[in-house]
PDB file of N, CA and C in Angstrom:
ATOM      1  N   MET A   1     183.276  50.262  40.939  1.00  0.00           N
ATOM      2  CA  MET A   1     184.042  51.502  40.389  1.00  0.00           C
ATOM      3  C   MET A   1     184.454  52.341  41.629  1.00  0.00           C
ATOM      4  N   MET A   2     185.793  52.934  41.354  1.00  0.00           N
ATOM      5  CA  MET A   2     186.407  53.597  42.453  1.00  0.00           C
ATOM      6  C   MET A   2     185.507  55.044  43.027  1.00  0.00           C
ATOM      7  N   SER A   3     185.645  55.218  44.126  1.00  0.00           N
ATOM      8  CA  SER A   3     184.694  56.375  44.696  1.00  0.00           C
ATOM      9  C   SER A   3     185.851  57.535  44.502  1.00  0.00           C
ATOM     10  N   ILE A   4     185.245  58.640  44.069  1.00  0.00           N
ATOM     11  CA  ILE A   4     186.109  59.889  43.735  1.00  0.00           C
ATOM     12  C   ILE A   4     185.572  61.008  44.860  1.00  0.00           C
ATOM     13  N   LYS A   5     184.538  60.239  45.743  1.00  0.00           N
ATOM     14  CA  LYS A   5     184.388  61.207  46.953  1.00  0.00           C
ATOM     15  C   LYS A   5     185.650  61.833  47.796  1.00  0.00           C
ATOM     16  N   GLY A   6     185.847  63.331  47.941  1.00  0.00           N
ATOM     17  CA  GLY A   6     186.742  63.817  48.425  1.00  0.00           C
ATOM     18  C   GLY A   6     188.088  64.213  47.641  1.00  0.00           C
ATOM     19  N   LYS A   7     188.037  63.562  46.333  1.00  0.00           N
ATOM     20  CA  LYS A   7     189.242  63.841  45.682  1.00  0.00           C
ATOM     21  C   LYS A   7     189.466  65.255  44.796  1.00  0.00           C
ATOM     22  N   ARG A   8     190.427  65.824  44.607  1.00  0.00           N
ATOM     23  CA  ARG A   8     190.620  66.991  43.924  1.00  0.00           C
ATOM     24  C   ARG A   8     191.081  66.703  42.590  1.00  0.00           C
ATOM     25  N   ILE A   9     190.209  67.096  41.431  1.00  0.00           N
ATOM     26  CA  ILE A   9     190.546  67.002  40.311  1.00  0.00           C
ATOM     27  C   ILE A   9     190.627  68.260  39.464  1.00  0.00           C
ATOM     28  N   GLY A  10     191.886  68.137  38.848  1.00  0.00           N
ATOM     29  CA  GLY A  10     192.071  69.532  38.047  1.00  0.00           C
ATOM     30  C   GLY A  10     191.289  69.041  36.489  1.00  0.00           C
ATOM     31  N   PHE A  11     190.513  69.872  36.072  1.00  0.00           N
ATOM     32  CA  PHE A  11     189.922  69.699  34.759  1.00  0.00           C
ATOM     33  C   PHE A  11     190.314  70.711  33.830  1.00  0.00           C
ATOM     34  N   GLY A  12     190.887  70.156  32.714  1.00  0.00           N
ATOM     35  CA  GLY A  12     191.428  71.323  31.724  1.00  0.00           C
ATOM     36  C   GLY A  12     190.440  71.378  30.692  1.00  0.00           C
ATOM     37  N   LEU A  13     190.073  72.666  30.180  1.00  0.00           N
ATOM     38  CA  LEU A  13     189.283  72.926  29.033  1.00  0.00           C
ATOM     39  C   LEU A  13     190.314  73.637  27.935  1.00  0.00           C
ATOM     40  N   THR A  14     190.255  73.057  26.856  1.00  0.00           N
ATOM     41  CA  THR A  14     191.223  73.649  25.658  1.00  0.00           C
ATOM     42  C   THR A  14     190.268  74.312  24.714  1.00  0.00           C
ATOM     43  N   GLY A  15     190.798  74.913  23.662  1.00  0.00           N
ATOM     44  CA  GLY A  15     190.121  75.404  22.540  1.00  0.00           C
ATOM     45  C   GLY A  15     189.136  74.640  21.687  1.00  0.00           C
ATOM     46  N   SER A  16     188.672  73.625  22.064  1.00  0.00           N
ATOM     47  CA  SER A  16     187.825  72.724  21.419  1.00  0.00           C
ATOM     48  C   SER A  16     186.433  73.129  21.602  1.00  0.00           C
ATOM     49  N   HIS A  17     186.098  74.365  21.210  1.00  0.00           N
ATOM     50  CA  HIS A  17     184.802  74.966  21.551  1.00  0.00           C
ATOM     51  C   HIS A  17     183.572  74.298  21.439  1.00  0.00           C
ATOM     52  N   CYS A  18     183.666  73.326  20.327  1.00  0.00           N
ATOM     53  CA  CYS A  18     182.189  72.699  20.109  1.00  0.00           C
ATOM     54  C   CYS A  18     182.005  71.522  21.046  1.00  0.00           C
ATOM     55  N   THR A  19     182.796  71.118  21.903  1.00  0.00           N
ATOM     56  CA  THR A  19     182.748  70.039  22.879  1.00  0.00           C
ATOM     57  C   THR A  19     182.219  70.691  24.447  1.00  0.00           C
ATOM     58  N   TYR A  20     182.213  71.998  24.408  1.00  0.00           N
ATOM     59  CA  TYR A  20     181.773  72.425  25.785  1.00  0.00           C
ATOM     60  C   TYR A  20     180.441  72.062  26.302  1.00  0.00           C
ATOM     61  N   ASP A  21     179.294  71.977  25.403  1.00  0.00           N
ATOM     62  CA  ASP A  21     178.157  71.492  25.976  1.00  0.00           C
ATOM     63  C   ASP A  21     178.143  70.125  26.378  1.00  0.00           C
ATOM     64  N   ALA A  22     179.075  69.300  25.788  1.00  0.00           N
ATOM     65  CA  ALA A  22     179.232  67.877  26.140  1.00  0.00           C
ATOM     66  C   ALA A  22     180.121  67.719  27.615  1.00  0.00           C
ATOM     67  N   VAL A  23     180.899  68.500  27.760  1.00  0.00           N
ATOM     68  CA  VAL A  23     181.772  68.456  28.804  1.00  0.00           C
ATOM     69  C   VAL A  23     181.308  69.032  30.079  1.00  0.00           C
ATOM     70  N   PHE A  24     180.460  69.920  30.149  1.00  0.00           N
ATOM     71  CA  PHE A  24     179.859  70.670  31.496  1.00  0.00           C
ATOM     72  C   PHE A  24     179.093  69.447  32.323  1.00  0.00           C
ATOM     73  N   PRO A  25     178.381  68.589  31.361  1.00  0.00           N
ATOM     74  CA  PRO A  25     177.638  67.457  32.234  1.00  0.00           C
ATOM     75  C   PRO A  25     178.473  66.545  32.993  1.00  0.00           C
ATOM     76  N   GLN A  26     179.676  66.475  32.337  1.00  0.00           N
ATOM     77  CA  GLN A  26     180.695  65.538  32.954  1.00  0.00           C
ATOM     78  C   GLN A  26     181.200  66.197  34.318  1.00  0.00           C
ATOM     79  N   ILE A  27     181.764  67.435  34.157  1.00  0.00           N
ATOM     80  CA  ILE A  27     182.081  68.120  34.982  1.00  0.00           C
ATOM     81  C   ILE A  27     181.181  68.130  36.466  1.00  0.00           C
ATOM     82  N   GLU A  28     179.869  68.379  36.109  1.00  0.00           N
ATOM     83  CA  GLU A  28     178.579  68.501  37.049  1.00  0.00           C
ATOM     84  C   GLU A  28     178.613  67.072  37.718  1.00  0.00           C
ATOM     85  N   ALA A  29     178.799  65.895  36.930  1.00  0.00           N
ATOM     86  CA  ALA A  29     178.804  64.384  37.409  1.00  0.00           C
ATOM     87  C   ALA A  29     179.931  64.200  38.462  1.00  0.00           C
ATOM     88  N   LEU A  30     181.161  64.764  38.118  1.00  0.00           N
ATOM     89  CA  LEU A  30     182.184  64.643  39.108  1.00  0.00           C
ATOM     90  C   LEU A  30     181.869  65.292  40.336  1.00  0.00           C
ATOM     91  N   ILE A  31     181.179  66.246  40.293  1.00  0.00           N
ATOM     92  CA  ILE A  31     180.981  67.209  41.459  1.00  0.00           C
ATOM     93  C   ILE A  31     180.020  66.575  42.344  1.00  0.00           C
ATOM     94  N   ASN A  32     178.778  66.020  41.475  1.00  0.00           N
ATOM     95  CA  ASN A  32     177.816  65.310  42.090  1.00  0.00           C
ATOM     96  C   ASN A  32     178.067  64.096  42.791  1.00  0.00           C
ATOM     97  N   ASN A  33     179.234  63.481  42.425  1.00  0.00           N
ATOM     98  CA  ASN A  33     179.950  62.264  43.171  1.00  0.00           C
ATOM     99  C   ASN A  33     181.095  62.668  44.159  1.00  0.00           C
ATOM    100  N   GLY A  34     180.874  63.844  44.562  1.00  0.00           N
ATOM    101  CA  GLY A  34     181.900  64.101  45.770  1.00  0.00           C
ATOM    102  C   GLY A  34     183.122  64.765  45.214  1.00  0.00           C
ATOM    103  N   ALA A  35     183.480  64.893  44.117  1.00  0.00           N
ATOM    104  CA  ALA A  35     184.786  65.413  43.872  1.00  0.00           C
ATOM    105  C   ALA A  35     184.875  66.977  43.919  1.00  0.00           C
ATOM    106  N   GLU A  36     186.017  67.462  44.296  1.00  0.00           N
ATOM    107  CA  GLU A  36     186.369  68.898  44.365  1.00  0.00           C
ATOM    108  C   GLU A  36     187.040  69.116  42.878  1.00  0.00           C
ATOM    109  N   VAL A  37     186.331  69.672  41.978  1.00  0.00           N
ATOM    110  CA  VAL A  37     186.865  70.065  40.637  1.00  0.00           C
ATOM    111  C   VAL A  37     187.567  71.430  40.643  1.00  0.00           C
ATOM    112  N   ARG A  38     188.781  71.492  40.244  1.00  0.00           N
ATOM    113  CA  ARG A  38     189.328  72.943  39.777  1.00  0.00           C
ATOM    114  C   ARG A  38     189.640  73.259  38.568  1.00  0.00           C
ATOM    115  N   PRO A  39     189.060  74.128  37.863  1.00  0.00           N
ATOM    116  CA  PRO A  39     188.966  74.313  36.461  1.00  0.00           C
ATOM    117  C   PRO A  39     190.327  74.924  36.103  1.00  0.00           C
ATOM    118  N   VAL A  40     190.667  74.403  34.822  1.00  0.00           N
ATOM    119  CA  VAL A  40     192.213  75.036  34.312  1.00  0.00           C
ATOM    120  C   VAL A  40     191.633  75.263  32.764  1.00  0.00           C
ATOM    121  N   VAL A  41     191.548  76.661  32.299  1.00  0.00           N
ATOM    122  CA  VAL A  41     191.377  76.968  30.894  1.00  0.00           C
ATOM    123  C   VAL A  41     192.602  77.376  30.346  1.00  0.00           C
ATOM    124  N   THR A  42     192.611  77.428  29.070  1.00  0.00           N
ATOM    125  CA  THR A  42     193.711  77.895  28.167  1.00  0.00           C
ATOM    126  C   THR A  42     193.366  79.444  27.731  1.00  0.00           C
ATOM    127  N   HIS A  43     194.401  80.072  27.426  1.00  0.00           N
ATOM    128  CA  HIS A  43     194.042  81.300  26.948  1.00  0.00           C
ATOM    129  C   HIS A  43     193.128  81.612  25.854  1.00  0.00           C
ATOM    130  N   THR A  44     192.803  80.427  24.893  1.00  0.00           N
ATOM    131  CA  THR A  44     192.087  80.413  23.783  1.00  0.00           C
ATOM    132  C   THR A  44     190.641  80.530  24.294  1.00  0.00           C
ATOM    133  N   VAL A  45     190.366  79.430  25.247  1.00  0.00           N
ATOM    134  CA  VAL A  45     188.958  79.244  26.099  1.00  0.00           C
ATOM    135  C   VAL A  45     188.545  80.831  26.461  1.00  0.00           C
ATOM    136  N   LYS A  46     189.538  81.448  27.185  1.00  0.00           N
ATOM    137  CA  LYS A  46     189.188  82.629  27.904  1.00  0.00           C
ATOM    138  C   LYS A  46     188.878  83.808  26.638  1.00  0.00           C
ATOM    139  N   SER A  47     189.574  83.820  25.840  1.00  0.00           N
ATOM    140  CA  SER A  47     189.733  85.052  24.954  1.00  0.00           C
ATOM    141  C   SER A  47     188.799  84.898  23.601  1.00  0.00           C
ATOM    142  N   THR A  48     188.552  83.606  23.305  1.00  0.00           N
ATOM    143  CA  THR A  48     187.958  83.357  21.940  1.00  0.00           C
ATOM    144  C   THR A  48     186.401  83.380  21.980  1.00  0.00           C
ATOM    145  N   ASP A  49     185.754  84.362  21.216  1.00  0.00           N
ATOM    146  CA  ASP A  49     184.257  84.066  20.967  1.00  0.00           C
ATOM    147  C   ASP A  49     183.959  83.419  19.580  1.00  0.00           C
ATOM    148  N   THR A  50     183.154  82.445  19.612  1.00  0.00           N
ATOM    149  CA  THR A  50     182.755  81.577  18.582  1.00  0.00           C
ATOM    150  C   THR A  50     181.188  81.495  18.383  1.00  0.00           C
ATOM    151  N   ARG A  51     180.838  80.641  17.418  1.00  0.00           N
ATOM    152  CA  ARG A  51     179.372  80.578  17.315  1.00  0.00           C
ATOM    153  C   ARG A  51     178.995  79.801  18.477  1.00  0.00           C
ATOM    154  N   PHE A  52     179.816  79.117  19.118  1.00  0.00           N
ATOM    155  CA  PHE A  52     179.284  78.437  20.407  1.00  0.00           C
ATOM    156  C   PHE A  52     179.355  78.854  21.623  1.00  0.00           C
ATOM    157  N   GLY A  53     179.793  80.268  21.594  1.00  0.00           N
ATOM    158  CA  GLY A  53     179.699  81.125  22.855  1.00  0.00           C
ATOM    159  C   GLY A  53     180.647  82.384  22.957  1.00  0.00           C
ATOM    160  N   GLU A  54     180.655  82.988  23.927  1.00  0.00           N
ATOM    161  CA  GLU A  54     181.778  83.888  24.109  1.00  0.00           C
ATOM    162  C   GLU A  54     182.664  83.028  25.295  1.00  0.00           C
ATOM    163  N   GLY A  55     184.078  83.572  25.006  1.00  0.00           N
ATOM    164  CA  GLY A  55     185.037  82.823  26.108  1.00  0.00           C
ATOM    165  C   GLY A  55     184.784  83.384  27.258  1.00  0.00           C
ATOM    166  N   GLU A  56     184.541  84.343  27.770  1.00  0.00           N
ATOM    167  CA  GLU A  56     184.389  84.988  28.980  1.00  0.00           C
ATOM    168  C   GLU A  56     183.052  84.294  29.865  1.00  0.00           C
ATOM    169  N   GLU A  57     182.161  83.956  28.878  1.00  0.00           N
ATOM    170  CA  GLU A  57     180.912  83.417  29.407  1.00  0.00           C
ATOM    171  C   GLU A  57     181.257  81.998  29.787  1.00  0.00           C
ATOM    172  N   TRP A  58     182.066  81.352  29.084  1.00  0.00           N
ATOM    173  CA  TRP A  58     182.405  79.754  29.344  1.00  0.00           C
ATOM    174  C   TRP A  58     183.183  79.900  30.708  1.00  0.00           C
ATOM    175  N   VAL A  59     184.122  80.848  30.788  1.00  0.00           N
ATOM    176  CA  VAL A  59     184.836  80.865  32.029  1.00  0.00           C
ATOM    177  C   VAL A  59     184.001  81.130  33.258  1.00  0.00           C
ATOM    178  N   ARG A  60     182.980  82.136  33.034  1.00  0.00           N
ATOM    179  CA  ARG A  60     182.133  82.318  34.329  1.00  0.00           C
ATOM    180  C   ARG A  60     181.214  81.172  34.398  1.00  0.00           C
ATOM    181  N   ARG A  61     180.899  80.403  33.500  1.00  0.00           N
ATOM    182  CA  ARG A  61     179.989  79.145  33.953  1.00  0.00           C
ATOM    183  C   ARG A  61     180.761  78.215  34.472  1.00  0.00           C
ATOM    184  N   ILE A  62     182.023  78.015  34.084  1.00  0.00           N
ATOM    185  CA  ILE A  62     182.735  76.907  34.762  1.00  0.00           C
ATOM    186  C   ILE A  62     182.988  77.265  36.359  1.00  0.00           C
ATOM    187  N   GLU A  63     183.515  78.493  36.507  1.00  0.00           N
ATOM    188  CA  GLU A  63     183.652  79.199  37.833  1.00  0.00           C
ATOM    189  C   GLU A  63     182.482  78.990  38.527  1.00  0.00           C
ATOM    190  N   GLU A  64     181.498  79.363  37.892  1.00  0.00           N
ATOM    191  CA  GLU A  64     179.955  79.213  38.818  1.00  0.00           C
ATOM    192  C   GLU A  64     179.784  77.649  39.142  1.00  0.00           C
ATOM    193  N   LEU A  65     180.025  76.741  38.221  1.00  0.00           N
ATOM    194  CA  LEU A  65     179.815  75.340  38.533  1.00  0.00           C
ATOM    195  C   LEU A  65     180.733  74.656  39.534  1.00  0.00           C
ATOM    196  N   THR A  66     181.926  75.217  39.450  1.00  0.00           N
ATOM    197  CA  THR A  66     182.936  74.510  40.489  1.00  0.00           C
ATOM    198  C   THR A  66     183.095  75.101  41.658  1.00  0.00           C
ATOM    199  N   GLY A  67     182.924  76.445  41.494  1.00  0.00           N
ATOM    200  CA  GLY A  67     183.291  77.331  42.865  1.00  0.00           C
ATOM    201  C   GLY A  67     184.529  77.739  43.069  1.00  0.00           C
ATOM    202  N   PHE A  68     185.410  77.544  41.876  1.00  0.00           N
ATOM    203  CA  PHE A  68     186.496  77.966  41.818  1.00  0.00           C
ATOM    204  C   PHE A  68     187.035  78.738  40.626  1.00  0.00           C
ATOM    205  N   LYS A  69     187.920  79.681  40.809  1.00  0.00           N
ATOM    206  CA  LYS A  69     188.528  80.530  39.586  1.00  0.00           C
ATOM    207  C   LYS A  69     189.774  79.920  39.314  1.00  0.00           C
TER     208      LYS A  69
END
């Protein structure tokens, strides 16, 4: 398997709110394997509150996880 240590990866989140709980462990795995993950979120992610959580909270979590805004 190719090493991702030191790679910069842009990770996009879209308005598929029901998948966020499954996506965050994948972002964490990339980081744990040495990648620098830069989050990219759509307006829908940021501004929509659903039964899966508040948009601003998801953005806060991804910024906290990756260390980038």
